[in-house]
Amino acid sequence: MKIHLLLPITLFAASIVGCSTARQTHALSDNKAVVLRSEAELWSKGNLAVADELYSTDYVCHFVVGPEWRGLEGIKGEVKRHRTSFPDWHERVDDIVAEGDRVVIRFTSTGTQRGEFQGIAPTGTKVSIEEVAIFRVVRGKIVEQWGLPDIHGLMEQLISSNTDKRPAP
């Protein structure tokens, strides 16, 4: 076979691969944008309405501790409960990686405890914890999440601040 016959086939194959790679890069970028918007608008600002745009009605959150959250009401309820305890809750994404339908973030969460949290009365303590979350995004919506917060670190900060405020014996 002559080289001039292979050239059009090679260019055609390269264009398919290029288009496929461009589509995949765009999809990964879109998936990252969905997760980043959830962190910025839902968790950090408490805008519950944005959950309807970003989360699937079949959403499930598997948490390393505590119960699973399910559906739009599950995510909205958890954000509302959390922001009642920590009204100034803010999540800053430190790293983000996407592959296929998965987006992984490592983030730092901060907030001041102004309401009861897991049986601990308000302490007024400003807390900061590290978290990791893995999201599965399908057709522009978060359908599944695995949450890995440093709940031990959070509880330690709240309990030690409560202990520090007790009068000396």
C-alpha atoms as a PDB file:
ATOM      1  CA  MET A   1       0.000   0.000   0.000  1.00  0.00           C
ATOM      2  CA  LYS A   2       1.307   3.409  -0.882  1.00  0.00           C
ATOM      3  CA  ILE A   3       1.878   6.077   1.727  1.00  0.00           C
ATOM      4  CA  HIS A   4      -0.403   8.604   0.010  1.00  0.00           C
ATOM      5  CA  LEU A   5      -3.327   6.187   0.546  1.00  0.00           C
ATOM      6  CA  LEU A   6      -2.555   5.823   4.253  1.00  0.00           C
ATOM      7  CA  LEU A   7      -2.403   9.556   4.893  1.00  0.00           C
ATOM      8  CA  PRO A   8      -6.184  10.228   4.608  1.00  0.00           C
ATOM      9  CA  ILE A   9      -6.945   7.222   6.833  1.00  0.00           C
ATOM     10  CA  THR A  10      -4.385   8.377   9.402  1.00  0.00           C
ATOM     11  CA  LEU A  11      -5.753  11.946   9.390  1.00  0.00           C
ATOM     12  CA  PHE A  12      -9.326  10.657   9.741  1.00  0.00           C
ATOM     13  CA  ALA A  13      -8.352   8.451  12.694  1.00  0.00           C
ATOM     14  CA  ALA A  14      -6.454  11.325  14.317  1.00  0.00           C
ATOM     15  CA  SER A  15      -9.460  13.622  13.949  1.00  0.00           C
ATOM     16  CA  ILE A  16     -11.736  11.077  15.642  1.00  0.00           C
ATOM     17  CA  VAL A  17      -9.294  10.655  18.519  1.00  0.00           C
ATOM     18  CA  GLY A  18      -8.871  14.434  18.774  1.00  0.00           C
ATOM     19  CA  CYS A  19     -12.628  15.032  18.879  1.00  0.00           C
ATOM     20  CA  SER A  20     -13.078  12.272  21.426  1.00  0.00           C
ATOM     21  CA  THR A  21     -10.315  13.712  23.605  1.00  0.00           C
ATOM     22  CA  ALA A  22     -11.772  17.217  23.299  1.00  0.00           C
ATOM     23  CA  ARG A  23     -15.254  15.943  24.265  1.00  0.00           C
ATOM     24  CA  GLN A  24     -13.816  14.039  27.214  1.00  0.00           C
ATOM     25  CA  THR A  25     -11.835  17.085  28.391  1.00  0.00           C
ATOM     26  CA  HIS A  26     -14.976  19.237  28.087  1.00  0.00           C
ATOM     27  CA  ALA A  27     -17.038  16.665  30.049  1.00  0.00           C
ATOM     28  CA  LEU A  28     -14.416  16.499  32.803  1.00  0.00           C
ATOM     29  CA  SER A  29     -14.368  20.282  32.949  1.00  0.00           C
ATOM     30  CA  ASP A  30     -18.178  20.374  33.156  1.00  0.00           C
ATOM     31  CA  ASN A  31     -18.169  17.753  35.937  1.00  0.00           C
ATOM     32  CA  LYS A  32     -15.629  19.776  37.907  1.00  0.00           C
ATOM     33  CA  ALA A  33     -17.755  22.907  37.460  1.00  0.00           C
ATOM     34  CA  VAL A  34     -20.819  21.126  38.906  1.00  0.00           C
ATOM     35  CA  VAL A  35     -18.893  20.057  42.018  1.00  0.00           C
ATOM     36  CA  LEU A  36     -17.213  23.441  42.462  1.00  0.00           C
ATOM     37  CA  ARG A  37     -20.587  25.173  42.192  1.00  0.00           C
ATOM     38  CA  SER A  38     -22.035  22.848  44.840  1.00  0.00           C
ATOM     39  CA  GLU A  39     -19.194  23.724  47.210  1.00  0.00           C
ATOM     40  CA  ALA A  40     -19.412  27.474  46.531  1.00  0.00           C
ATOM     41  CA  GLU A  41     -23.159  28.025  46.372  1.00  0.00           C
ATOM     42  CA  LEU A  42     -24.836  25.190  48.265  1.00  0.00           C
ATOM     43  CA  TRP A  43     -22.430  24.484  51.119  1.00  0.00           C
ATOM     44  CA  SER A  44     -20.622  27.820  51.470  1.00  0.00           C
ATOM     45  CA  LYS A  45     -23.602  30.140  50.914  1.00  0.00           C
ATOM     46  CA  GLY A  46     -26.502  27.882  51.920  1.00  0.00           C
ATOM     47  CA  ASN A  47     -28.356  28.419  48.628  1.00  0.00           C
ATOM     48  CA  LEU A  48     -30.647  25.360  48.818  1.00  0.00           C
ATOM     49  CA  ALA A  49     -32.323  26.124  45.469  1.00  0.00           C
ATOM     50  CA  VAL A  50     -29.102  25.316  43.616  1.00  0.00           C
ATOM     51  CA  ALA A  51     -29.407  21.671  44.761  1.00  0.00           C
ATOM     52  CA  ASP A  52     -32.267  21.214  42.257  1.00  0.00           C
ATOM     53  CA  GLU A  53     -29.878  22.167  39.437  1.00  0.00           C
ATOM     54  CA  LEU A  54     -26.835  20.217  40.600  1.00  0.00           C
ATOM     55  CA  TYR A  55     -28.146  17.018  42.225  1.00  0.00           C
ATOM     56  CA  SER A  56     -30.132  14.115  40.817  1.00  0.00           C
ATOM     57  CA  THR A  57     -33.426  13.157  42.423  1.00  0.00           C
ATOM     58  CA  ASP A  58     -31.769   9.729  42.914  1.00  0.00           C
ATOM     59  CA  TYR A  59     -28.763  11.231  44.739  1.00  0.00           C
ATOM     60  CA  VAL A  60     -27.160   9.128  47.485  1.00  0.00           C
ATOM     61  CA  CYS A  61     -24.373  10.227  49.849  1.00  0.00           C
ATOM     62  CA  HIS A  62     -22.404   7.467  51.518  1.00  0.00           C
ATOM     63  CA  PHE A  63     -20.780   8.973  54.582  1.00  0.00           C
ATOM     64  CA  VAL A  64     -17.914   7.330  56.404  1.00  0.00           C
ATOM     65  CA  VAL A  65     -19.810   8.158  59.622  1.00  0.00           C
ATOM     66  CA  GLY A  66     -23.520   8.623  60.071  1.00  0.00           C
ATOM     67  CA  PRO A  67     -26.508   7.828  57.899  1.00  0.00           C
ATOM     68  CA  GLU A  68     -26.739   8.060  54.125  1.00  0.00           C
ATOM     69  CA  TRP A  69     -28.472  11.082  52.649  1.00  0.00           C
ATOM     70  CA  ARG A  70     -30.871  10.349  49.807  1.00  0.00           C
ATOM     71  CA  GLY A  71     -32.505  12.507  47.159  1.00  0.00           C
ATOM     72  CA  LEU A  72     -32.843  16.252  46.915  1.00  0.00           C
ATOM     73  CA  GLU A  73     -34.539  16.499  50.303  1.00  0.00           C
ATOM     74  CA  GLY A  74     -31.662  14.554  51.845  1.00  0.00           C
ATOM     75  CA  ILE A  75     -28.973  16.926  50.595  1.00  0.00           C
ATOM     76  CA  LYS A  76     -31.038  20.033  51.321  1.00  0.00           C
ATOM     77  CA  GLY A  77     -31.874  18.806  54.822  1.00  0.00           C
ATOM     78  CA  GLU A  78     -28.247  18.075  55.629  1.00  0.00           C
ATOM     79  CA  VAL A  79     -27.027  21.446  54.359  1.00  0.00           C
ATOM     80  CA  LYS A  80     -29.769  23.206  56.342  1.00  0.00           C
ATOM     81  CA  ARG A  81     -28.947  21.255  59.547  1.00  0.00           C
ATOM     82  CA  HIS A  82     -25.238  21.858  59.130  1.00  0.00           C
ATOM     83  CA  ARG A  83     -25.620  25.566  58.463  1.00  0.00           C
ATOM     84  CA  THR A  84     -27.934  25.867  61.489  1.00  0.00           C
ATOM     85  CA  SER A  85     -25.050  24.580  63.610  1.00  0.00           C
ATOM     86  CA  PHE A  86     -22.404  26.552  61.669  1.00  0.00           C
ATOM     87  CA  PRO A  87     -24.103  29.525  59.921  1.00  0.00           C
ATOM     88  CA  ASP A  88     -20.830  30.775  58.420  1.00  0.00           C
ATOM     89  CA  TRP A  89     -19.770  27.333  57.106  1.00  0.00           C
ATOM     90  CA  HIS A  90     -17.378  27.660  54.191  1.00  0.00           C
ATOM     91  CA  GLU A  91     -15.714  25.016  52.045  1.00  0.00           C
ATOM     92  CA  ARG A  92     -12.525  25.904  50.162  1.00  0.00           C
ATOM     93  CA  VAL A  93     -11.488  23.404  47.497  1.00  0.00           C
ATOM     94  CA  ASP A  94      -7.744  22.787  47.729  1.00  0.00           C
ATOM     95  CA  ASP A  95      -7.422  20.059  45.060  1.00  0.00           C
ATOM     96  CA  ILE A  96      -9.717  18.723  42.373  1.00  0.00           C
ATOM     97  CA  VAL A  97      -9.189  15.739  40.072  1.00  0.00           C
ATOM     98  CA  ALA A  98     -11.604  14.302  37.504  1.00  0.00           C
ATOM     99  CA  GLU A  99     -11.574  11.032  35.599  1.00  0.00           C
ATOM    100  CA  GLY A 100     -14.523   9.533  33.753  1.00  0.00           C
ATOM    101  CA  ASP A 101     -17.689  10.280  35.731  1.00  0.00           C
ATOM    102  CA  ARG A 102     -15.793  10.818  39.016  1.00  0.00           C
ATOM    103  CA  VAL A 103     -14.629  14.069  40.583  1.00  0.00           C
ATOM    104  CA  VAL A 104     -12.493  14.006  43.731  1.00  0.00           C
ATOM    105  CA  ILE A 105     -11.907  17.046  45.887  1.00  0.00           C
ATOM    106  CA  ARG A 106      -9.755  17.684  48.928  1.00  0.00           C
ATOM    107  CA  PHE A 107     -11.087  20.679  50.776  1.00  0.00           C
ATOM    108  CA  THR A 108     -10.874  22.689  53.965  1.00  0.00           C
ATOM    109  CA  SER A 109     -14.087  23.454  55.829  1.00  0.00           C
ATOM    110  CA  THR A 110     -14.422  26.216  58.400  1.00  0.00           C
ATOM    111  CA  GLY A 111     -17.247  27.554  60.514  1.00  0.00           C
ATOM    112  CA  THR A 112     -18.265  28.911  63.892  1.00  0.00           C
ATOM    113  CA  GLN A 113     -20.533  26.720  66.010  1.00  0.00           C
ATOM    114  CA  ARG A 114     -23.600  28.833  66.797  1.00  0.00           C
ATOM    115  CA  GLY A 115     -26.118  25.988  67.129  1.00  0.00           C
ATOM    116  CA  GLU A 116     -26.188  22.502  68.608  1.00  0.00           C
ATOM    117  CA  PHE A 117     -24.120  19.931  66.725  1.00  0.00           C
ATOM    118  CA  GLN A 118     -24.343  16.224  67.486  1.00  0.00           C
ATOM    119  CA  GLY A 119     -25.446  16.865  71.063  1.00  0.00           C
ATOM    120  CA  ILE A 120     -22.874  19.606  71.719  1.00  0.00           C
ATOM    121  CA  ALA A 121     -24.411  22.922  72.745  1.00  0.00           C
ATOM    122  CA  PRO A 122     -23.201  26.019  70.870  1.00  0.00           C
ATOM    123  CA  THR A 123     -19.625  26.845  71.832  1.00  0.00           C
ATOM    124  CA  GLY A 124     -18.888  29.843  69.606  1.00  0.00           C
ATOM    125  CA  THR A 125     -15.779  27.958  68.508  1.00  0.00           C
ATOM    126  CA  LYS A 126     -14.315  28.599  65.073  1.00  0.00           C
ATOM    127  CA  VAL A 127     -13.403  25.180  63.643  1.00  0.00           C
ATOM    128  CA  SER A 128     -11.387  24.068  60.650  1.00  0.00           C
ATOM    129  CA  ILE A 129     -11.248  20.533  59.249  1.00  0.00           C
ATOM    130  CA  GLU A 130      -9.875  18.730  56.230  1.00  0.00           C
ATOM    131  CA  GLU A 131     -12.234  16.687  54.067  1.00  0.00           C
ATOM    132  CA  VAL A 132     -12.180  14.515  50.963  1.00  0.00           C
ATOM    133  CA  ALA A 133     -15.200  13.778  48.797  1.00  0.00           C
ATOM    134  CA  ILE A 134     -15.676  11.643  45.719  1.00  0.00           C
ATOM    135  CA  PHE A 135     -18.589  12.527  43.435  1.00  0.00           C
ATOM    136  CA  ARG A 136     -20.144  10.623  40.560  1.00  0.00           C
ATOM    137  CA  VAL A 137     -21.579  13.045  38.016  1.00  0.00           C
ATOM    138  CA  VAL A 138     -23.912  11.867  35.254  1.00  0.00           C
ATOM    139  CA  ARG A 139     -25.392  14.190  32.604  1.00  0.00           C
ATOM    140  CA  GLY A 140     -24.465  17.282  34.595  1.00  0.00           C
ATOM    141  CA  LYS A 141     -25.919  16.144  37.942  1.00  0.00           C
ATOM    142  CA  ILE A 142     -24.340  14.695  41.058  1.00  0.00           C
ATOM    143  CA  VAL A 143     -25.856  11.243  41.522  1.00  0.00           C
ATOM    144  CA  GLU A 144     -23.607   9.782  44.188  1.00  0.00           C
ATOM    145  CA  GLN A 145     -21.074  10.957  46.738  1.00  0.00           C
ATOM    146  CA  TRP A 146     -18.676   9.413  49.221  1.00  0.00           C
ATOM    147  CA  GLY A 147     -17.825  11.811  52.065  1.00  0.00           C
ATOM    148  CA  LEU A 148     -14.714  11.529  54.229  1.00  0.00           C
ATOM    149  CA  PRO A 149     -14.611  14.408  56.748  1.00  0.00           C
ATOM    150  CA  ASP A 150     -12.233  14.642  59.684  1.00  0.00           C
ATOM    151  CA  ILE A 151     -15.145  14.287  62.101  1.00  0.00           C
ATOM    152  CA  HIS A 152     -12.739  13.325  64.904  1.00  0.00           C
ATOM    153  CA  GLY A 153     -10.851  16.591  64.429  1.00  0.00           C
ATOM    154  CA  LEU A 154     -14.106  18.546  64.382  1.00  0.00           C
ATOM    155  CA  MET A 155     -15.413  16.926  67.566  1.00  0.00           C
ATOM    156  CA  GLU A 156     -12.050  17.380  69.286  1.00  0.00           C
ATOM    157  CA  GLN A 157     -12.127  21.120  68.549  1.00  0.00           C
ATOM    158  CA  LEU A 158     -15.684  21.479  69.842  1.00  0.00           C
ATOM    159  CA  ILE A 159     -15.182  19.377  72.962  1.00  0.00           C
ATOM    160  CA  SER A 160     -11.843  20.937  73.908  1.00  0.00           C
ATOM    161  CA  SER A 161     -13.284  24.441  73.503  1.00  0.00           C
ATOM    162  CA  ASN A 162     -16.199  23.412  75.736  1.00  0.00           C
ATOM    163  CA  THR A 163     -13.793  22.009  78.335  1.00  0.00           C
ATOM    164  CA  ASP A 164     -11.679  25.197  78.228  1.00  0.00           C
ATOM    165  CA  LYS A 165     -14.750  27.280  79.170  1.00  0.00           C
ATOM    166  CA  ARG A 166     -15.575  25.287  82.307  1.00  0.00           C
ATOM    167  CA  PRO A 167     -14.676  26.941  85.610  1.00  0.00           C
ATOM    168  CA  ALA A 168     -11.631  25.515  87.381  1.00  0.00           C
ATOM    169  CA  PRO A 169     -12.442  23.210  90.330  1.00  0.00           C
END
